[in-house]
């Protein structure tokens, strides 16, 4: 049915714009699909993720741990030392979502424990070398 203006008119009698019936609205207390996986646990445990990034790959392990678990305990439970026996001694530091943390930091539900590799180059030394190189090029002495 064409409207007098030239567009199509909407037959509002057949289609309701009212809110859906209360039975079709999902309850916020119903477990989400991610909560109903085999990882379910009772109220005495939390989910944390341990992540280690290498230049070409990322290793991650999701864990269920008891409330009160520290960063070091989660690292030990993750199996990182078995997956990377050579890297265990090379882990420079740990952090949670980019914020440095100590071994005794108590994790909370949803934390991502990140394992950091040591720096290949000292940023201050790299900047100092670049500045010296720029100065030499500017002065006409290109010997490095």
N, C-alpha and C. Protein backbone atom coordinates (compact mmCIF):
# COMPACT_ATOMS: atom_id res chain seq x y z
N UNK A 1 0.86 -1.17 0.00
CA UNK A 1 0.00 0.00 0.00
C UNK A 1 0.90 1.23 0.00
N UNK A 2 0.75 2.07 -0.99
CA UNK A 2 1.57 3.26 -1.13
C UNK A 2 0.92 4.40 -0.37
N UNK A 3 1.77 5.19 0.25
CA UNK A 3 1.24 6.36 0.96
C UNK A 3 1.13 7.52 -0.01
N UNK A 4 0.37 8.54 0.35
CA UNK A 4 0.20 9.67 -0.54
C UNK A 4 1.52 10.40 -0.82
N UNK A 5 2.51 10.25 0.07
CA UNK A 5 3.77 10.96 -0.11
C UNK A 5 4.65 10.21 -1.10
N UNK A 6 4.38 8.95 -1.38
CA UNK A 6 5.15 8.20 -2.34
C UNK A 6 5.94 7.06 -1.73
N UNK A 7 6.09 7.04 -0.42
CA UNK A 7 6.82 5.95 0.24
C UNK A 7 5.86 4.85 0.64
N UNK A 8 6.36 3.84 1.24
CA UNK A 8 5.52 2.75 1.70
C UNK A 8 5.05 3.05 3.10
N UNK A 9 3.79 2.79 3.38
CA UNK A 9 3.27 3.01 4.73
C UNK A 9 3.43 1.72 5.54
N UNK A 10 3.57 1.86 6.81
CA UNK A 10 3.71 0.72 7.70
C UNK A 10 2.34 0.35 8.22
N UNK A 11 2.04 -0.93 8.15
CA UNK A 11 0.77 -1.40 8.66
C UNK A 11 0.94 -1.66 10.16
N UNK A 12 0.64 -0.68 10.95
CA UNK A 12 0.88 -0.79 12.38
C UNK A 12 -0.13 -1.69 13.07
N UNK A 13 -1.21 -2.02 12.42
CA UNK A 13 -2.19 -2.88 13.06
C UNK A 13 -1.65 -4.30 13.22
N UNK A 14 -0.82 -4.74 12.30
CA UNK A 14 -0.31 -6.10 12.37
C UNK A 14 0.91 -6.21 13.28
N UNK A 15 1.69 -5.16 13.38
CA UNK A 15 2.94 -5.21 14.13
C UNK A 15 2.89 -4.26 15.32
N UNK A 16 3.25 -4.77 16.46
CA UNK A 16 3.21 -3.95 17.66
C UNK A 16 4.60 -3.39 17.94
N UNK A 17 4.63 -2.15 18.36
CA UNK A 17 5.90 -1.55 18.77
C UNK A 17 6.01 -1.51 20.30
N UNK A 18 5.11 -2.20 20.97
CA UNK A 18 5.13 -2.23 22.43
C UNK A 18 6.31 -3.07 22.91
N UNK A 19 6.60 -2.96 24.17
CA UNK A 19 7.69 -3.75 24.77
C UNK A 19 7.36 -5.23 24.72
N UNK A 20 8.37 -6.09 24.65
CA UNK A 20 8.09 -7.52 24.61
C UNK A 20 7.45 -8.00 25.91
N UNK A 21 6.79 -9.11 25.80
CA UNK A 21 6.15 -9.68 26.99
C UNK A 21 7.21 -10.02 28.03
N UNK A 22 6.83 -9.96 29.28
CA UNK A 22 7.78 -10.19 30.37
C UNK A 22 8.41 -11.58 30.29
N UNK A 23 7.71 -12.56 29.75
CA UNK A 23 8.26 -13.91 29.66
C UNK A 23 9.40 -14.01 28.65
N UNK A 24 9.49 -13.08 27.69
CA UNK A 24 10.53 -13.16 26.67
C UNK A 24 11.79 -12.38 27.04
N UNK A 25 11.78 -11.69 28.17
CA UNK A 25 12.96 -10.94 28.61
C UNK A 25 13.81 -11.84 29.49
N UNK A 26 15.09 -12.05 29.13
CA UNK A 26 15.93 -12.92 29.95
C UNK A 26 16.20 -12.30 31.32
N UNK A 27 16.21 -13.15 32.31
CA UNK A 27 16.47 -12.70 33.67
C UNK A 27 17.96 -12.48 33.85
N UNK A 28 18.37 -11.41 34.56
CA UNK A 28 19.79 -11.19 34.80
C UNK A 28 20.41 -12.27 35.69
N UNK A 29 19.60 -13.02 36.41
CA UNK A 29 20.15 -14.04 37.30
C UNK A 29 20.38 -15.38 36.59
N UNK A 30 19.94 -15.49 35.34
CA UNK A 30 20.16 -16.72 34.58
C UNK A 30 21.63 -16.77 34.19
N UNK A 31 22.30 -17.91 34.39
CA UNK A 31 23.72 -17.99 34.03
C UNK A 31 23.93 -17.73 32.55
N UNK A 32 24.96 -16.96 32.26
CA UNK A 32 25.34 -16.67 30.88
C UNK A 32 25.99 -17.92 30.28
N UNK A 33 26.05 -18.03 28.96
CA UNK A 33 26.66 -19.21 28.35
C UNK A 33 28.08 -19.45 28.83
N UNK A 34 28.87 -18.41 29.04
CA UNK A 34 30.24 -18.60 29.51
C UNK A 34 30.27 -19.17 30.93
N UNK A 35 29.21 -18.92 31.71
CA UNK A 35 29.17 -19.40 33.08
C UNK A 35 28.70 -20.85 33.16
N UNK A 36 28.06 -21.32 32.13
CA UNK A 36 27.51 -22.67 32.18
C UNK A 36 28.45 -23.70 31.60
N UNK A 37 29.66 -23.30 31.18
CA UNK A 37 30.62 -24.25 30.65
C UNK A 37 31.07 -25.18 31.76
N UNK A 38 31.99 -26.07 31.44
CA UNK A 38 32.47 -27.03 32.42
C UNK A 38 33.34 -26.37 33.49
N UNK A 39 33.60 -25.07 33.38
CA UNK A 39 34.44 -24.37 34.33
C UNK A 39 33.68 -23.88 35.55
N UNK A 40 32.44 -24.27 35.71
CA UNK A 40 31.66 -23.74 36.82
C UNK A 40 32.27 -24.17 38.15
N UNK A 41 32.16 -23.32 39.11
CA UNK A 41 32.66 -23.65 40.45
C UNK A 41 31.76 -22.95 41.45
N UNK A 42 31.94 -23.30 42.69
CA UNK A 42 31.10 -22.70 43.72
C UNK A 42 31.63 -21.31 44.08
N UNK A 43 31.08 -20.72 45.10
CA UNK A 43 31.43 -19.35 45.47
C UNK A 43 32.79 -19.24 46.12
N UNK A 44 33.49 -20.35 46.36
CA UNK A 44 34.78 -20.28 47.02
C UNK A 44 35.96 -20.26 46.05
N UNK A 45 35.70 -20.10 44.75
CA UNK A 45 36.82 -20.03 43.81
C UNK A 45 36.60 -18.90 42.82
N UNK A 46 37.69 -18.52 42.15
CA UNK A 46 37.68 -17.44 41.19
C UNK A 46 38.33 -17.92 39.89
N UNK A 47 38.09 -17.20 38.81
CA UNK A 47 38.70 -17.50 37.52
C UNK A 47 39.78 -16.46 37.26
N UNK A 48 40.98 -16.91 36.92
CA UNK A 48 42.06 -16.02 36.54
C UNK A 48 42.71 -16.57 35.27
N UNK A 49 43.38 -15.71 34.56
CA UNK A 49 44.07 -16.11 33.34
C UNK A 49 45.54 -15.75 33.48
N UNK A 50 46.42 -16.68 33.13
CA UNK A 50 47.86 -16.44 33.15
C UNK A 50 48.30 -16.33 31.70
N UNK A 51 49.02 -15.25 31.37
CA UNK A 51 49.40 -14.97 29.99
C UNK A 51 50.89 -14.71 29.90
N UNK A 52 51.52 -15.29 28.87
CA UNK A 52 52.94 -15.04 28.58
C UNK A 52 53.06 -14.81 27.09
N UNK A 53 53.57 -13.65 26.70
CA UNK A 53 53.70 -13.31 25.28
C UNK A 53 55.15 -13.44 24.84
N UNK A 54 55.33 -14.14 23.73
CA UNK A 54 56.62 -14.23 23.09
C UNK A 54 56.53 -13.43 21.80
N UNK A 55 57.65 -13.18 21.13
CA UNK A 55 57.58 -12.38 19.90
C UNK A 55 56.65 -12.97 18.84
N UNK A 56 56.50 -14.30 18.79
CA UNK A 56 55.69 -14.89 17.74
C UNK A 56 54.43 -15.60 18.22
N UNK A 57 54.28 -15.86 19.50
CA UNK A 57 53.10 -16.56 20.02
C UNK A 57 52.69 -16.00 21.38
N UNK A 58 51.47 -16.35 21.76
CA UNK A 58 50.96 -15.99 23.09
C UNK A 58 50.49 -17.27 23.76
N UNK A 59 50.97 -17.50 24.98
CA UNK A 59 50.55 -18.65 25.77
C UNK A 59 49.61 -18.14 26.84
N UNK A 60 48.44 -18.77 26.95
CA UNK A 60 47.50 -18.36 28.00
C UNK A 60 46.83 -19.59 28.59
N UNK A 61 46.58 -19.50 29.87
CA UNK A 61 45.95 -20.61 30.60
C UNK A 61 44.92 -20.01 31.54
N UNK A 62 43.67 -20.48 31.44
CA UNK A 62 42.60 -20.05 32.33
C UNK A 62 42.52 -21.03 33.48
N UNK A 63 42.49 -20.50 34.69
CA UNK A 63 42.50 -21.33 35.90
C UNK A 63 41.31 -21.03 36.79
N UNK A 64 40.88 -22.04 37.51
CA UNK A 64 39.97 -21.90 38.65
C UNK A 64 40.81 -22.05 39.89
N UNK A 65 40.85 -21.04 40.71
CA UNK A 65 41.68 -21.09 41.91
C UNK A 65 40.86 -20.67 43.12
N UNK A 66 41.25 -21.09 44.31
CA UNK A 66 40.52 -20.66 45.51
C UNK A 66 40.67 -19.16 45.75
N UNK A 67 39.68 -18.57 46.38
CA UNK A 67 39.77 -17.17 46.77
C UNK A 67 40.97 -17.02 47.70
N UNK A 68 41.74 -15.97 47.49
CA UNK A 68 42.93 -15.72 48.31
C UNK A 68 44.21 -16.22 47.67
N UNK A 69 44.13 -16.74 46.45
CA UNK A 69 45.32 -17.22 45.75
C UNK A 69 46.20 -16.04 45.36
N UNK A 70 47.50 -16.19 45.56
CA UNK A 70 48.44 -15.13 45.21
C UNK A 70 48.92 -15.30 43.78
N UNK A 71 49.59 -14.28 43.27
CA UNK A 71 50.11 -14.31 41.90
C UNK A 71 51.10 -15.46 41.73
N UNK A 72 51.98 -15.67 42.69
CA UNK A 72 52.97 -16.75 42.60
C UNK A 72 52.28 -18.11 42.61
N UNK A 73 51.27 -18.29 43.44
CA UNK A 73 50.55 -19.56 43.49
C UNK A 73 49.85 -19.85 42.16
N UNK A 74 49.26 -18.82 41.57
CA UNK A 74 48.59 -18.99 40.27
C UNK A 74 49.61 -19.34 39.19
N UNK A 75 50.77 -18.72 39.25
CA UNK A 75 51.82 -19.03 38.28
C UNK A 75 52.25 -20.49 38.42
N UNK A 76 52.41 -20.95 39.65
CA UNK A 76 52.80 -22.34 39.89
C UNK A 76 51.72 -23.32 39.41
N UNK A 77 50.45 -22.97 39.63
CA UNK A 77 49.34 -23.83 39.23
C UNK A 77 49.11 -23.86 37.72
N UNK A 78 49.59 -22.83 37.02
CA UNK A 78 49.32 -22.71 35.59
C UNK A 78 50.08 -23.72 34.73
N UNK A 79 51.15 -24.26 35.25
CA UNK A 79 51.96 -25.18 34.45
C UNK A 79 52.93 -24.46 33.54
N UNK A 80 53.18 -23.19 33.80
CA UNK A 80 54.09 -22.39 32.98
C UNK A 80 55.50 -22.99 32.99
N UNK A 81 55.95 -23.46 34.15
CA UNK A 81 57.31 -23.99 34.23
C UNK A 81 57.47 -25.27 33.40
N UNK A 82 56.39 -26.05 33.22
CA UNK A 82 56.48 -27.23 32.35
C UNK A 82 56.40 -26.83 30.88
N UNK A 83 55.60 -25.83 30.56
CA UNK A 83 55.45 -25.40 29.17
C UNK A 83 56.69 -24.67 28.66
N UNK A 84 57.35 -23.93 29.55
CA UNK A 84 58.53 -23.14 29.17
C UNK A 84 59.64 -23.34 30.20
N UNK A 85 60.30 -24.49 30.20
CA UNK A 85 61.33 -24.73 31.22
C UNK A 85 62.50 -23.75 31.12
N UNK A 86 62.81 -23.26 29.92
CA UNK A 86 63.93 -22.32 29.76
C UNK A 86 63.54 -20.89 30.13
N UNK A 87 62.28 -20.57 30.08
CA UNK A 87 61.82 -19.20 30.32
C UNK A 87 61.56 -18.91 31.79
N UNK A 88 61.47 -19.93 32.63
CA UNK A 88 61.10 -19.72 34.03
C UNK A 88 62.08 -18.77 34.70
N UNK A 89 63.34 -18.94 34.42
CA UNK A 89 64.35 -18.07 35.04
C UNK A 89 64.40 -16.70 34.39
N UNK A 90 63.81 -16.57 33.21
CA UNK A 90 63.89 -15.32 32.47
C UNK A 90 62.68 -14.41 32.66
N UNK A 91 61.68 -14.84 33.41
CA UNK A 91 60.51 -13.98 33.63
C UNK A 91 60.96 -12.78 34.45
N UNK A 92 60.84 -11.61 33.85
CA UNK A 92 61.33 -10.41 34.51
C UNK A 92 60.44 -9.95 35.64
N UNK A 93 59.15 -9.92 35.42
CA UNK A 93 58.22 -9.43 36.43
C UNK A 93 56.83 -9.95 36.09
N UNK A 94 55.89 -9.67 36.98
CA UNK A 94 54.49 -10.03 36.76
C UNK A 94 53.64 -8.79 36.93
N UNK A 95 52.46 -8.83 36.34
CA UNK A 95 51.53 -7.73 36.49
C UNK A 95 50.11 -8.21 36.26
N UNK A 96 49.17 -7.39 36.68
CA UNK A 96 47.75 -7.66 36.45
C UNK A 96 47.21 -6.51 35.61
N UNK A 97 46.80 -6.82 34.38
CA UNK A 97 46.32 -5.83 33.42
C UNK A 97 47.28 -4.65 33.29
N UNK A 98 48.57 -4.96 33.13
CA UNK A 98 49.56 -3.93 32.88
C UNK A 98 50.09 -3.22 34.11
N UNK A 99 49.59 -3.53 35.29
CA UNK A 99 50.06 -2.91 36.53
C UNK A 99 50.97 -3.91 37.25
N UNK A 100 52.21 -3.51 37.50
CA UNK A 100 53.18 -4.39 38.14
C UNK A 100 52.65 -4.87 39.49
N UNK A 101 52.87 -6.16 39.78
CA UNK A 101 52.46 -6.71 41.07
C UNK A 101 53.56 -7.61 41.62
N UNK A 102 53.57 -7.80 42.92
CA UNK A 102 54.54 -8.66 43.59
C UNK A 102 54.00 -10.09 43.63
N UNK A 103 54.87 -11.02 44.03
CA UNK A 103 54.47 -12.43 44.15
C UNK A 103 53.32 -12.64 45.11
N UNK A 104 53.23 -11.81 46.16
CA UNK A 104 52.22 -12.01 47.19
C UNK A 104 50.91 -11.26 46.92
N UNK A 105 50.76 -10.70 45.72
CA UNK A 105 49.52 -10.00 45.36
C UNK A 105 48.37 -11.00 45.32
N UNK A 106 47.28 -10.70 46.00
CA UNK A 106 46.12 -11.59 46.04
C UNK A 106 45.22 -11.29 44.84
N UNK A 107 44.99 -12.30 44.02
CA UNK A 107 44.19 -12.15 42.81
C UNK A 107 42.71 -12.11 43.12
N UNK A 108 41.95 -11.45 42.27
CA UNK A 108 40.50 -11.41 42.38
C UNK A 108 39.90 -12.01 41.11
N UNK A 109 38.62 -12.29 41.13
CA UNK A 109 37.95 -12.92 40.00
C UNK A 109 38.10 -12.08 38.74
N UNK A 110 38.51 -12.74 37.66
CA UNK A 110 38.64 -12.07 36.37
C UNK A 110 40.00 -11.46 36.12
N UNK A 111 40.95 -11.56 37.04
CA UNK A 111 42.28 -10.99 36.84
C UNK A 111 43.02 -11.72 35.72
N UNK A 112 43.85 -10.96 34.99
CA UNK A 112 44.74 -11.55 34.00
C UNK A 112 46.16 -11.31 34.49
N UNK A 113 46.82 -12.38 34.90
CA UNK A 113 48.19 -12.32 35.39
C UNK A 113 49.11 -12.38 34.19
N UNK A 114 49.86 -11.31 33.97
CA UNK A 114 50.75 -11.21 32.81
C UNK A 114 52.18 -11.44 33.26
N UNK A 115 52.89 -12.27 32.52
CA UNK A 115 54.30 -12.55 32.81
C UNK A 115 55.13 -11.77 31.81
N UNK A 116 56.04 -10.94 32.31
CA UNK A 116 56.82 -10.06 31.45
C UNK A 116 58.22 -10.61 31.24
N UNK A 117 58.68 -10.54 29.99
CA UNK A 117 60.05 -10.92 29.67
C UNK A 117 60.97 -9.75 30.01
N UNK A 118 62.23 -10.04 30.29
CA UNK A 118 63.16 -8.93 30.55
C UNK A 118 63.37 -8.12 29.26
N UNK A 119 63.70 -6.85 29.42
CA UNK A 119 63.93 -5.99 28.27
C UNK A 119 65.20 -6.42 27.55
N UNK A 120 65.17 -6.37 26.22
CA UNK A 120 66.36 -6.69 25.44
C UNK A 120 67.36 -5.54 25.49
N UNK A 121 66.84 -4.32 25.49
CA UNK A 121 67.67 -3.13 25.53
C UNK A 121 67.15 -2.20 26.61
N UNK A 122 68.06 -1.51 27.27
CA UNK A 122 67.67 -0.51 28.25
C UNK A 122 67.16 0.71 27.48
N UNK A 123 65.92 1.15 27.70
CA UNK A 123 65.38 2.28 26.94
C UNK A 123 66.21 3.55 27.09
N UNK A 124 66.74 3.79 28.26
CA UNK A 124 67.55 5.00 28.46
C UNK A 124 68.83 4.93 27.63
N UNK A 125 69.46 3.78 27.63
CA UNK A 125 70.69 3.61 26.85
C UNK A 125 70.41 3.73 25.36
N UNK A 126 69.29 3.16 24.90
CA UNK A 126 68.93 3.26 23.48
C UNK A 126 68.70 4.71 23.08
N UNK A 127 68.03 5.47 23.91
CA UNK A 127 67.78 6.88 23.61
C UNK A 127 69.10 7.65 23.60
N UNK A 128 69.98 7.35 24.54
CA UNK A 128 71.27 8.02 24.60
C UNK A 128 72.07 7.75 23.32
N UNK A 129 72.06 6.52 22.84
CA UNK A 129 72.78 6.19 21.61
C UNK A 129 72.19 6.90 20.40
N UNK A 130 70.86 6.96 20.32
CA UNK A 130 70.23 7.67 19.20
C UNK A 130 70.59 9.15 19.22
N UNK A 131 70.58 9.75 20.40
CA UNK A 131 70.91 11.17 20.52
C UNK A 131 72.37 11.42 20.12
N UNK A 132 73.28 10.53 20.53
CA UNK A 132 74.68 10.68 20.15
C UNK A 132 74.84 10.54 18.63
N UNK A 133 74.12 9.61 18.03
CA UNK A 133 74.19 9.41 16.59
C UNK A 133 73.68 10.64 15.85
N UNK A 134 72.55 11.19 16.30
CA UNK A 134 72.00 12.40 15.69
C UNK A 134 72.99 13.56 15.78
N UNK A 135 73.64 13.69 16.92
CA UNK A 135 74.59 14.78 17.12
C UNK A 135 75.78 14.62 16.18
N UNK A 136 76.26 13.40 16.01
CA UNK A 136 77.39 13.16 15.11
C UNK A 136 77.02 13.48 13.66
N UNK A 137 75.81 13.05 13.26
CA UNK A 137 75.36 13.32 11.89
C UNK A 137 75.22 14.82 11.68
N UNK A 138 74.72 15.51 12.67
CA UNK A 138 74.52 16.97 12.59
C UNK A 138 75.85 17.68 12.47
N UNK A 139 76.87 17.21 13.19
CA UNK A 139 78.18 17.83 13.16
C UNK A 139 79.01 17.42 11.94
N UNK A 140 78.51 16.48 11.16
CA UNK A 140 79.22 16.05 9.96
C UNK A 140 80.15 14.88 10.19
N UNK A 141 80.23 14.38 11.37
CA UNK A 141 81.07 13.22 11.66
C UNK A 141 80.19 12.00 11.66
N UNK A 142 80.17 11.27 10.54
CA UNK A 142 79.26 10.14 10.41
C UNK A 142 79.82 8.84 10.97
N UNK A 143 81.04 8.85 11.49
CA UNK A 143 81.60 7.63 12.09
C UNK A 143 80.85 7.29 13.37
N UNK A 144 80.41 6.08 13.48
CA UNK A 144 79.62 5.66 14.65
C UNK A 144 80.42 4.74 15.50
